[in-house]
Amino acid sequence: MSDLYYLNLRGGGRERVEIRAAGVDEARNMAVRYLGQYLTEHPAFADEGHWRLSVEDVAGSVLTTVIVATVTPR
């Protein structure tokens, strides 16, 4: 049985994406795959430096967050 979760990519104009997963761990793994696909389709998004993709429950409570940062070496 799968539960309903939402992926919420922080930033203006981005929608919450509904997913179904067997639990928070599976939802987190789906979030990582979603983020990879999003970056493939929107490569300029990486120029923003850092971002986070939250996995939320139906009420909007954050259950886990995937954080990605672009760091320029010195």
Protein backbone atom coordinates (compact mmCIF):
# COMPACT_ATOMS: atom_id res chain seq x y z
CA MET A 1 0.00 0.00 0.00
CA SER A 2 1.33 3.45 -0.84
CA ASP A 3 0.75 6.75 0.89
CA LEU A 4 0.33 10.19 -0.63
CA TYR A 5 3.24 12.64 -0.38
CA TYR A 6 4.17 15.91 -2.04
CA LEU A 7 7.51 17.07 -3.40
CA ASN A 8 8.00 20.79 -2.88
CA LEU A 9 10.93 22.39 -4.70
CA ARG A 10 11.51 25.71 -2.96
CA GLY A 11 11.40 28.79 -5.13
CA GLY A 12 8.97 31.01 -6.92
CA GLY A 13 6.53 29.54 -9.40
CA ARG A 14 7.24 25.89 -8.65
CA GLU A 15 4.37 23.54 -7.92
CA ARG A 16 4.06 20.82 -5.34
CA VAL A 17 4.23 17.46 -7.10
CA GLU A 18 2.03 14.64 -5.83
CA ILE A 19 3.64 11.20 -5.49
CA ARG A 20 2.69 7.86 -3.99
CA ALA A 21 5.28 5.91 -2.02
CA ALA A 22 5.41 3.02 0.44
CA GLY A 23 6.94 5.28 3.10
CA VAL A 24 9.14 8.27 3.77
CA ASP A 25 12.34 6.45 2.70
CA GLU A 26 10.87 5.59 -0.69
CA ALA A 27 9.46 9.12 -1.03
CA ARG A 28 12.94 10.55 -0.32
CA ASN A 29 14.47 8.32 -3.00
CA MET A 30 11.79 9.47 -5.44
CA ALA A 31 12.63 13.07 -4.51
CA VAL A 32 16.29 12.51 -5.42
CA ARG A 33 15.30 11.05 -8.80
CA TYR A 34 12.84 13.91 -9.37
CA LEU A 35 15.53 16.48 -8.62
CA GLY A 36 17.93 14.82 -11.07
CA GLN A 37 15.27 14.90 -13.78
CA TYR A 38 14.39 18.51 -12.97
CA LEU A 39 18.04 19.59 -13.29
CA THR A 40 18.31 17.73 -16.59
CA GLU A 41 15.31 19.63 -17.95
CA HIS A 42 16.26 23.00 -16.36
CA PRO A 43 20.09 23.17 -16.30
CA ALA A 44 20.14 26.91 -15.56
CA PHE A 45 18.47 26.14 -12.24
CA ALA A 46 21.88 24.98 -10.96
CA ASP A 47 23.12 28.58 -11.27
CA GLU A 48 20.97 29.52 -8.29
CA GLY A 49 23.67 28.07 -6.00
CA HIS A 50 21.70 25.91 -3.59
CA TRP A 51 18.19 24.64 -3.25
CA ARG A 52 16.10 22.17 -1.34
CA LEU A 53 13.39 19.72 -2.20
CA SER A 54 11.10 18.81 0.66
CA VAL A 55 8.95 15.72 1.02
CA GLU A 56 5.71 16.75 2.71
CA ASP A 57 2.66 14.95 3.97
CA VAL A 58 -0.88 15.85 2.93
CA ALA A 59 -1.07 18.53 5.66
CA GLY A 60 2.11 20.21 4.33
CA SER A 61 4.38 19.10 7.18
CA VAL A 62 7.97 18.57 6.02
CA LEU A 63 9.03 14.96 6.59
CA THR A 64 12.49 15.09 5.01
CA THR A 65 14.49 17.46 2.82
CA VAL A 66 17.04 16.89 0.06
CA ILE A 67 19.55 19.76 -0.04
CA VAL A 68 21.84 20.38 -3.01
CA ALA A 69 24.49 23.10 -3.30
CA THR A 70 26.73 24.27 -6.11
CA VAL A 71 30.14 25.23 -4.70
CA THR A 72 32.87 26.95 -6.67
CA PRO A 73 36.36 25.86 -5.56
CA ARG A 74 38.73 28.61 -4.40
